[in-house]
Amino acid sequence: MNNRSADRLPILGDVHGEIMVYEPLHVKELGPGGATIETRFPLQLDSLHDLRLTLGDTSVVVKGRVQHDDFSGGMRITADELMELAEVRSHYARALRLSINGQADSAKLKAILAPYAGGKCAVSIRYRNAGGECDIRLPDSYRVKVSEPLLASLNDWLAEPNVEVVY
């Protein structure tokens, strides 16, 4: 099947996009044959870009290369890699830094982290007193898969400023 001749699909809801250099990007059409976008940011042939597209509650990151499109005479971005934003966060997160001063409860921490165990992201506790501060990294058995539900649980318990994903 030639994807370029496929019917365009109307999108119900907001579709937002941005090039990671934070220039505006407007998605005009999105369908099985591709997407039509507009941007004031000049796209150079053979340049690489990371684009974040959001549809409702779902965000995806597209890593792609700008190429000449013989069909339309314009330019196109060919996706080399496509990941949901949650997958990007989980893939690139190096550490989850938690400030727990005054709320230390090891049983509660273990219970919150347990469903997300087995990931690549290390967990560290930020310890602070009058003499200074340091990060104490938990053993590898506490490594987690960073996800929105995990962050929401930690934010509910510790408050958002005390939960930091380090990339």
N, C-alpha and C. Protein backbone atom coordinates (compact mmCIF):
# COMPACT_ATOMS: atom_id res chain seq x y z
N MET A 1 0.84 -1.18 0.00
CA MET A 1 0.00 0.00 0.00
C MET A 1 0.89 1.25 0.00
N ASN A 2 0.55 2.20 -0.79
CA ASN A 2 1.28 3.45 -0.83
C ASN A 2 0.73 4.36 0.26
N ASN A 3 1.51 4.57 1.31
CA ASN A 3 1.06 5.39 2.44
C ASN A 3 0.77 6.82 2.06
N ARG A 4 1.42 7.32 1.03
CA ARG A 4 1.22 8.72 0.66
C ARG A 4 -0.18 8.97 0.10
N SER A 5 -0.81 7.95 -0.44
CA SER A 5 -2.15 8.15 -0.99
C SER A 5 -3.24 7.83 0.03
N ALA A 6 -2.84 7.45 1.25
CA ALA A 6 -3.82 7.12 2.27
C ALA A 6 -4.59 8.36 2.69
N ASP A 7 -5.84 8.15 3.10
CA ASP A 7 -6.66 9.25 3.58
C ASP A 7 -6.07 9.83 4.85
N ARG A 8 -6.18 11.15 5.00
CA ARG A 8 -5.75 11.81 6.23
C ARG A 8 -6.82 11.60 7.28
N LEU A 9 -6.38 11.45 8.52
CA LEU A 9 -7.31 11.24 9.62
C LEU A 9 -7.49 12.53 10.40
N PRO A 10 -8.74 12.92 10.69
CA PRO A 10 -8.91 14.09 11.55
C PRO A 10 -8.52 13.72 12.99
N ILE A 11 -7.87 14.62 13.68
CA ILE A 11 -7.47 14.39 15.06
C ILE A 11 -8.42 15.17 15.96
N LEU A 12 -9.06 14.47 16.87
CA LEU A 12 -9.94 15.13 17.82
C LEU A 12 -9.14 15.39 19.08
N GLY A 13 -8.99 16.60 19.45
CA GLY A 13 -8.18 16.96 20.61
C GLY A 13 -7.01 17.81 20.17
N ASP A 14 -6.25 18.22 21.15
CA ASP A 14 -5.12 19.10 20.86
C ASP A 14 -3.90 18.29 20.46
N VAL A 15 -3.25 18.71 19.40
CA VAL A 15 -1.98 18.14 18.99
C VAL A 15 -0.97 19.28 19.08
N HIS A 16 0.05 19.10 19.88
CA HIS A 16 1.08 20.11 20.04
C HIS A 16 2.40 19.49 19.65
N GLY A 17 3.30 20.28 19.17
CA GLY A 17 4.62 19.75 18.87
C GLY A 17 5.66 20.82 19.10
N GLU A 18 6.88 20.37 19.32
CA GLU A 18 7.96 21.33 19.44
C GLU A 18 9.24 20.65 19.00
N ILE A 19 10.11 21.43 18.40
CA ILE A 19 11.44 20.95 18.13
C ILE A 19 12.21 21.20 19.41
N MET A 20 13.09 20.31 19.79
CA MET A 20 13.70 20.39 21.10
C MET A 20 14.52 21.66 21.32
N VAL A 21 14.76 22.45 20.27
CA VAL A 21 15.38 23.75 20.50
C VAL A 21 14.32 24.77 20.86
N TYR A 22 13.13 24.29 21.14
CA TYR A 22 12.02 25.08 21.66
C TYR A 22 11.49 26.12 20.69
N GLU A 23 11.55 25.83 19.43
CA GLU A 23 10.91 26.67 18.43
C GLU A 23 9.50 26.13 18.21
N PRO A 24 8.55 27.01 17.87
CA PRO A 24 7.18 26.54 17.69
C PRO A 24 7.05 25.60 16.48
N LEU A 25 6.22 24.60 16.64
CA LEU A 25 5.95 23.63 15.59
C LEU A 25 4.45 23.38 15.61
N HIS A 26 3.81 23.49 14.49
CA HIS A 26 2.36 23.28 14.41
C HIS A 26 2.09 22.07 13.53
N VAL A 27 1.36 21.11 14.07
CA VAL A 27 0.98 19.93 13.30
C VAL A 27 -0.36 20.24 12.63
N LYS A 28 -0.35 20.30 11.28
CA LYS A 28 -1.56 20.62 10.53
C LYS A 28 -2.41 19.39 10.28
N GLU A 29 -1.77 18.30 9.86
CA GLU A 29 -2.47 17.06 9.56
C GLU A 29 -1.65 15.90 10.09
N LEU A 30 -2.35 14.84 10.50
CA LEU A 30 -1.68 13.64 10.96
C LEU A 30 -2.48 12.46 10.45
N GLY A 31 -1.85 11.56 9.74
CA GLY A 31 -2.54 10.41 9.18
C GLY A 31 -1.59 9.26 8.99
N PRO A 32 -2.09 8.15 8.47
CA PRO A 32 -1.23 6.98 8.29
C PRO A 32 -0.09 7.23 7.30
N GLY A 33 -0.22 8.21 6.45
CA GLY A 33 0.83 8.51 5.48
C GLY A 33 1.86 9.48 6.01
N GLY A 34 1.65 10.03 7.21
CA GLY A 34 2.61 10.96 7.78
C GLY A 34 1.92 12.16 8.38
N ALA A 35 2.70 13.16 8.70
CA ALA A 35 2.19 14.38 9.31
C ALA A 35 2.64 15.57 8.49
N THR A 36 1.80 16.59 8.45
CA THR A 36 2.16 17.85 7.83
C THR A 36 2.39 18.84 8.95
N ILE A 37 3.58 19.46 8.98
CA ILE A 37 3.90 20.39 10.05
C ILE A 37 4.29 21.73 9.48
N GLU A 38 4.16 22.77 10.31
CA GLU A 38 4.64 24.10 9.98
C GLU A 38 5.51 24.57 11.12
N THR A 39 6.60 25.25 10.81
CA THR A 39 7.47 25.81 11.82
C THR A 39 8.18 27.03 11.27
N ARG A 40 8.46 27.98 12.16
CA ARG A 40 9.26 29.14 11.75
C ARG A 40 10.74 28.79 11.82
N PHE A 41 11.07 27.69 12.47
CA PHE A 41 12.45 27.25 12.62
C PHE A 41 12.92 26.69 11.29
N PRO A 42 14.02 27.19 10.73
CA PRO A 42 14.47 26.69 9.43
C PRO A 42 15.01 25.26 9.54
N LEU A 43 14.43 24.37 8.80
CA LEU A 43 14.89 22.98 8.78
C LEU A 43 15.86 22.82 7.62
N GLN A 44 17.08 22.46 7.91
CA GLN A 44 18.10 22.29 6.89
C GLN A 44 18.10 20.84 6.41
N LEU A 45 18.32 20.66 5.11
CA LEU A 45 18.40 19.30 4.57
C LEU A 45 19.48 18.51 5.28
N ASP A 46 19.20 17.26 5.55
CA ASP A 46 20.11 16.31 6.17
C ASP A 46 20.45 16.66 7.62
N SER A 47 19.64 17.52 8.26
CA SER A 47 19.87 17.84 9.67
C SER A 47 19.06 16.87 10.54
N LEU A 48 19.55 16.66 11.74
CA LEU A 48 18.89 15.77 12.70
C LEU A 48 18.09 16.59 13.69
N HIS A 49 16.90 16.11 14.04
CA HIS A 49 16.05 16.82 15.00
C HIS A 49 15.37 15.83 15.93
N ASP A 50 15.12 16.28 17.15
CA ASP A 50 14.27 15.58 18.10
C ASP A 50 12.98 16.39 18.20
N LEU A 51 11.86 15.76 17.91
CA LEU A 51 10.58 16.44 17.98
C LEU A 51 9.73 15.78 19.05
N ARG A 52 9.07 16.59 19.85
CA ARG A 52 8.14 16.06 20.84
C ARG A 52 6.74 16.40 20.38
N LEU A 53 5.92 15.39 20.19
CA LEU A 53 4.53 15.59 19.78
C LEU A 53 3.62 15.12 20.90
N THR A 54 2.58 15.89 21.18
CA THR A 54 1.65 15.55 22.25
C THR A 54 0.23 15.49 21.68
N LEU A 55 -0.46 14.41 21.99
CA LEU A 55 -1.86 14.25 21.62
C LEU A 55 -2.60 13.88 22.89
N GLY A 56 -3.37 14.82 23.40
CA GLY A 56 -4.07 14.57 24.66
C GLY A 56 -3.07 14.34 25.78
N ASP A 57 -3.15 13.18 26.43
CA ASP A 57 -2.25 12.86 27.54
C ASP A 57 -1.01 12.11 27.10
N THR A 58 -0.90 11.81 25.82
CA THR A 58 0.22 11.01 25.33
C THR A 58 1.22 11.89 24.58
N SER A 59 2.49 11.75 24.94
CA SER A 59 3.55 12.46 24.25
C SER A 59 4.52 11.44 23.65
N VAL A 60 5.00 11.74 22.46
CA VAL A 60 6.02 10.90 21.84
C VAL A 60 7.18 11.78 21.41
N VAL A 61 8.35 11.19 21.38
CA VAL A 61 9.54 11.88 20.90
C VAL A 61 9.97 11.18 19.63
N VAL A 62 10.14 11.97 18.57
CA VAL A 62 10.55 11.46 17.26
C VAL A 62 11.97 11.96 17.01
N LYS A 63 12.88 11.04 16.76
CA LYS A 63 14.23 11.42 16.35
C LYS A 63 14.27 11.18 14.85
N GLY A 64 14.52 12.23 14.09
CA GLY A 64 14.47 12.08 12.65
C GLY A 64 15.41 12.99 11.90
N ARG A 65 15.50 12.74 10.61
CA ARG A 65 16.39 13.47 9.71
C ARG A 65 15.53 14.17 8.65
N VAL A 66 15.88 15.42 8.36
CA VAL A 66 15.19 16.19 7.34
C VAL A 66 15.73 15.79 5.97
N GLN A 67 14.81 15.45 5.06
CA GLN A 67 15.20 15.05 3.71
C GLN A 67 14.29 15.72 2.70
N HIS A 68 14.73 15.75 1.45
CA HIS A 68 13.91 16.29 0.37
C HIS A 68 12.80 15.27 0.07
N ASP A 69 11.58 15.76 -0.13
CA ASP A 69 10.44 14.90 -0.45
C ASP A 69 10.12 15.06 -1.94
N ASP A 70 10.46 14.05 -2.73
CA ASP A 70 10.22 14.10 -4.18
C ASP A 70 8.73 14.18 -4.50
N PHE A 71 7.89 13.60 -3.65
CA PHE A 71 6.45 13.56 -3.91
C PHE A 71 5.83 14.95 -3.83
N SER A 72 6.14 15.69 -2.75
CA SER A 72 5.51 17.00 -2.55
C SER A 72 6.38 18.15 -3.03
N GLY A 73 7.67 17.88 -3.24
CA GLY A 73 8.59 18.95 -3.62
C GLY A 73 9.11 19.72 -2.42
N GLY A 74 8.62 19.41 -1.23
CA GLY A 74 9.07 20.08 -0.01
C GLY A 74 10.09 19.24 0.74
N MET A 75 10.04 19.36 2.04
CA MET A 75 10.94 18.57 2.88
C MET A 75 10.11 17.64 3.74
N ARG A 76 10.74 16.58 4.21
CA ARG A 76 10.07 15.64 5.10
C ARG A 76 11.05 15.26 6.20
N ILE A 77 10.51 14.83 7.31
CA ILE A 77 11.33 14.30 8.39
C ILE A 77 11.07 12.81 8.45
N THR A 78 12.13 12.04 8.24
CA THR A 78 12.02 10.59 8.31
C THR A 78 12.42 10.17 9.71
N ALA A 79 11.51 9.48 10.39
CA ALA A 79 11.74 9.08 11.77
C ALA A 79 12.74 7.92 11.83
N ASP A 80 13.80 8.12 12.60
CA ASP A 80 14.76 7.05 12.86
C ASP A 80 14.38 6.29 14.12
N GLU A 81 13.73 7.00 15.05
CA GLU A 81 13.38 6.40 16.32
C GLU A 81 12.14 7.10 16.86
N LEU A 82 11.24 6.35 17.46
CA LEU A 82 10.01 6.89 18.02
C LEU A 82 9.81 6.27 19.40
N MET A 83 9.68 7.11 20.42
CA MET A 83 9.47 6.61 21.77
C MET A 83 8.42 7.47 22.47
N GLU A 84 7.60 6.82 23.30
CA GLU A 84 6.70 7.58 24.14
C GLU A 84 7.52 8.34 25.16
N LEU A 85 7.02 9.48 25.60
CA LEU A 85 7.77 10.31 26.52
C LEU A 85 8.13 9.54 27.80
N ALA A 86 7.21 8.71 28.28
CA ALA A 86 7.50 7.91 29.47
C ALA A 86 8.67 6.97 29.22
N GLU A 87 8.75 6.42 28.03
CA GLU A 87 9.85 5.53 27.67
C GLU A 87 11.17 6.30 27.59
N VAL A 88 11.12 7.52 27.07
CA VAL A 88 12.31 8.37 27.00
C VAL A 88 12.80 8.66 28.41
N ARG A 89 11.86 9.05 29.28
CA ARG A 89 12.23 9.36 30.67
C ARG A 89 12.87 8.14 31.32
N SER A 90 12.29 6.98 31.15
CA SER A 90 12.81 5.76 31.75
C SER A 90 14.18 5.40 31.17
N HIS A 91 14.34 5.60 29.87
CA HIS A 91 15.59 5.22 29.18
C HIS A 91 16.76 6.12 29.57
N TYR A 92 16.53 7.42 29.71
CA TYR A 92 17.61 8.36 29.93
C TYR A 92 17.81 8.78 31.38
N ALA A 93 16.91 8.42 32.28
CA ALA A 93 17.05 8.81 33.68
C ALA A 93 18.25 8.09 34.30
N ARG A 94 19.17 8.86 34.88
CA ARG A 94 20.35 8.26 35.53
C ARG A 94 20.09 8.00 37.01
N ALA A 95 19.33 8.88 37.63
CA ALA A 95 19.09 8.73 39.08
C ALA A 95 17.77 9.40 39.47
N LEU A 96 17.20 8.89 40.50
CA LEU A 96 16.01 9.47 41.12
C LEU A 96 16.48 9.96 42.50
N ARG A 97 16.53 11.27 42.68
CA ARG A 97 17.05 11.87 43.91
C ARG A 97 15.87 12.28 44.79
N LEU A 98 15.85 11.76 46.01
CA LEU A 98 14.76 12.02 46.94
C LEU A 98 15.28 12.74 48.17
N SER A 99 14.63 13.81 48.56
CA SER A 99 14.94 14.51 49.81
C SER A 99 13.86 14.12 50.81
N ILE A 100 14.26 13.38 51.84
CA ILE A 100 13.28 12.79 52.76
C ILE A 100 13.41 13.34 54.17
N ASN A 101 14.24 14.32 54.40
CA ASN A 101 14.47 14.83 55.75
C ASN A 101 13.14 15.09 56.47
N GLY A 102 13.03 14.53 57.67
CA GLY A 102 11.84 14.73 58.48
C GLY A 102 10.71 13.78 58.13
N GLN A 103 10.79 13.09 57.00
CA GLN A 103 9.73 12.17 56.59
C GLN A 103 10.28 10.76 56.39
N ALA A 104 11.44 10.47 56.96
CA ALA A 104 12.10 9.19 56.74
C ALA A 104 11.20 8.04 57.21
N ASP A 105 10.90 7.16 56.29
CA ASP A 105 10.09 5.97 56.58
C ASP A 105 10.52 4.92 55.56
N SER A 106 11.48 4.08 55.95
CA SER A 106 12.06 3.13 55.01
C SER A 106 11.03 2.13 54.49
N ALA A 107 10.08 1.73 55.33
CA ALA A 107 9.06 0.77 54.90
C ALA A 107 8.17 1.39 53.82
N LYS A 108 7.82 2.67 54.00
CA LYS A 108 6.98 3.34 53.01
C LYS A 108 7.74 3.52 51.70
N LEU A 109 9.02 3.91 51.78
CA LEU A 109 9.83 4.06 50.58
C LEU A 109 9.92 2.74 49.82
N LYS A 110 10.18 1.68 50.54
CA LYS A 110 10.30 0.35 49.91
C LYS A 110 8.97 -0.05 49.23
N ALA A 111 7.86 0.24 49.89
CA ALA A 111 6.54 -0.09 49.34
C ALA A 111 6.24 0.70 48.07
N ILE A 112 6.64 1.97 48.04
CA ILE A 112 6.39 2.80 46.85
C ILE A 112 7.26 2.35 45.69
N LEU A 113 8.53 2.03 45.96
CA LEU A 113 9.47 1.66 44.90
C LEU A 113 9.25 0.24 44.37
N ALA A 114 8.75 -0.68 45.20
CA ALA A 114 8.66 -2.10 44.85
C ALA A 114 7.98 -2.38 43.50
N PRO A 115 6.84 -1.78 43.17
CA PRO A 115 6.19 -2.10 41.88
C PRO A 115 7.01 -1.67 40.66
N TYR A 116 8.01 -0.83 40.85
CA TYR A 116 8.78 -0.28 39.73
C TYR A 116 10.22 -0.81 39.74
N ALA A 117 10.49 -1.83 40.54
CA ALA A 117 11.83 -2.40 40.67
C ALA A 117 12.27 -3.06 39.37
N GLY A 118 13.58 -3.19 39.22
CA GLY A 118 14.13 -3.89 38.05
C GLY A 118 14.52 -2.97 36.92
N GLY A 119 14.46 -1.68 37.12
CA GLY A 119 14.83 -0.73 36.06
C GLY A 119 16.31 -0.39 36.10
N LYS A 120 16.68 0.60 35.28
CA LYS A 120 18.08 1.03 35.20
C LYS A 120 18.39 2.24 36.07
N CYS A 121 17.38 2.90 36.58
CA CYS A 121 17.56 4.17 37.28
C CYS A 121 17.90 3.96 38.76
N ALA A 122 19.05 4.48 39.16
CA ALA A 122 19.47 4.40 40.56
C ALA A 122 18.60 5.34 41.41
N VAL A 123 18.49 5.01 42.68
CA VAL A 123 17.74 5.84 43.63
C VAL A 123 18.74 6.34 44.67
N SER A 124 18.71 7.64 44.91
CA SER A 124 19.59 8.20 45.94
C SER A 124 18.77 9.08 46.88
N ILE A 125 19.24 9.13 48.12
CA ILE A 125 18.59 9.94 49.15
C ILE A 125 19.49 11.15 49.40
N ARG A 126 18.93 12.34 49.31
CA ARG A 126 19.66 13.57 49.60
C ARG A 126 19.59 13.78 51.11
N TYR A 127 20.76 13.67 51.76
CA TYR A 127 20.85 13.89 53.21
C TYR A 127 21.39 15.27 53.46
N ARG A 128 20.75 16.00 54.37
CA ARG A 128 21.15 17.37 54.64
C ARG A 128 21.09 17.63 56.15
N ASN A 129 22.13 18.28 56.68
CA ASN A 129 22.09 18.76 58.07
C ASN A 129 22.82 20.09 58.12
N ALA A 130 23.02 20.63 59.31
CA ALA A 130 23.63 21.96 59.45
C ALA A 130 25.06 21.99 58.90
N GLY A 131 25.74 20.83 58.88
CA GLY A 131 27.13 20.79 58.43
C GLY A 131 27.30 20.59 56.94
N GLY A 132 26.27 20.22 56.23
CA GLY A 132 26.40 20.00 54.78
C GLY A 132 25.33 19.07 54.24
N GLU A 133 25.57 18.59 53.04
CA GLU A 133 24.62 17.69 52.40
C GLU A 133 25.36 16.74 51.48
N CYS A 134 24.75 15.58 51.24
CA CYS A 134 25.33 14.62 50.31
C CYS A 134 24.22 13.70 49.80
N ASP A 135 24.49 13.02 48.71
CA ASP A 135 23.56 12.02 48.17
C ASP A 135 24.05 10.64 48.59
N ILE A 136 23.15 9.84 49.10
CA ILE A 136 23.46 8.46 49.48
C ILE A 136 22.74 7.56 48.49
N ARG A 137 23.50 6.87 47.68
CA ARG A 137 22.91 5.99 46.66
C ARG A 137 22.49 4.68 47.30
N LEU A 138 21.26 4.26 47.02
CA LEU A 138 20.77 2.99 47.53
C LEU A 138 21.37 1.85 46.71
N PRO A 139 21.38 0.63 47.24
CA PRO A 139 21.94 -0.51 46.50
C PRO A 139 21.22 -0.73 45.17
N ASP A 140 21.89 -1.44 44.26
CA ASP A 140 21.33 -1.70 42.93
C ASP A 140 19.98 -2.41 42.98
N SER A 141 19.70 -3.13 44.03
CA SER A 141 18.40 -3.82 44.14
C SER A 141 17.24 -2.83 44.23
N TYR A 142 17.55 -1.55 44.48
CA TYR A 142 16.52 -0.51 44.54
C TYR A 142 16.36 0.23 43.22
N ARG A 143 17.09 -0.15 42.19
CA ARG A 143 16.94 0.53 40.89
C ARG A 143 15.50 0.38 40.40
N VAL A 144 14.99 1.42 39.74
CA VAL A 144 13.58 1.45 39.34
C VAL A 144 13.41 1.82 37.88
N LYS A 145 12.23 1.56 37.36
CA LYS A 145 11.78 2.06 36.06
C LYS A 145 11.00 3.34 36.35
N VAL A 146 11.52 4.46 35.91
CA VAL A 146 10.87 5.74 36.19
C VAL A 146 9.60 5.84 35.35
N SER A 147 8.50 6.18 36.00
CA SER A 147 7.22 6.31 35.30
C SER A 147 6.39 7.38 35.99
N GLU A 148 5.35 7.83 35.29
CA GLU A 148 4.46 8.84 35.87
C GLU A 148 3.81 8.37 37.17
N PRO A 149 3.30 7.12 37.23
CA PRO A 149 2.69 6.70 38.50
C PRO A 149 3.68 6.68 39.67
N LEU A 150 4.94 6.28 39.41
CA LEU A 150 5.95 6.29 40.46
C LEU A 150 6.20 7.72 40.93
N LEU A 151 6.41 8.64 39.99
CA LEU A 151 6.66 10.03 40.35
C LEU A 151 5.47 10.63 41.10
N ALA A 152 4.25 10.29 40.68
CA ALA A 152 3.05 10.81 41.36
C ALA A 152 2.99 10.30 42.80
N SER A 153 3.29 9.03 43.02
CA SER A 153 3.28 8.48 44.38
C SER A 153 4.33 9.16 45.26
N LEU A 154 5.53 9.34 44.71
CA LEU A 154 6.58 10.00 45.48
C LEU A 154 6.24 11.47 45.75
N ASN A 155 5.67 12.15 44.76
CA ASN A 155 5.27 13.56 44.94
C ASN A 155 4.18 13.69 46.00
N ASP A 156 3.24 12.74 46.03
CA ASP A 156 2.19 12.77 47.05
C ASP A 156 2.78 12.63 48.45
N TRP A 157 3.78 11.78 48.58
CA TRP A 157 4.38 11.52 49.88
C TRP A 157 5.36 12.62 50.30
N LEU A 158 6.27 13.00 49.40
CA LEU A 158 7.38 13.89 49.76
C LEU A 158 7.19 15.34 49.30
N ALA A 159 6.26 15.61 48.46
CA ALA A 159 6.05 16.91 47.80
C ALA A 159 7.00 17.03 46.60
N GLU A 160 6.51 17.62 45.56
CA GLU A 160 7.22 17.68 44.27
C GLU A 160 8.65 18.22 44.33
N PRO A 161 8.94 19.29 45.10
CA PRO A 161 10.32 19.79 45.12
C PRO A 161 11.33 18.79 45.68
N ASN A 162 10.85 17.76 46.39
CA ASN A 162 11.74 16.78 47.01
C ASN A 162 11.95 15.53 46.15
N VAL A 163 11.42 15.54 44.94
CA VAL A 163 11.56 14.41 44.02
C VAL A 163 12.17 14.96 42.73
N GLU A 164 13.35 14.45 42.37
CA GLU A 164 14.05 14.97 41.20
C GLU A 164 14.57 13.81 40.35
N VAL A 165 14.29 13.87 39.06
CA VAL A 165 14.85 12.90 38.12
C VAL A 165 16.10 13.54 37.54
N VAL A 166 17.24 12.86 37.66
CA VAL A 166 18.52 13.36 37.17
C VAL A 166 18.82 12.66 35.85
N TYR A 167 19.05 13.45 34.79
CA TYR A 167 19.35 12.88 33.48
C TYR A 167 20.82 12.98 33.17
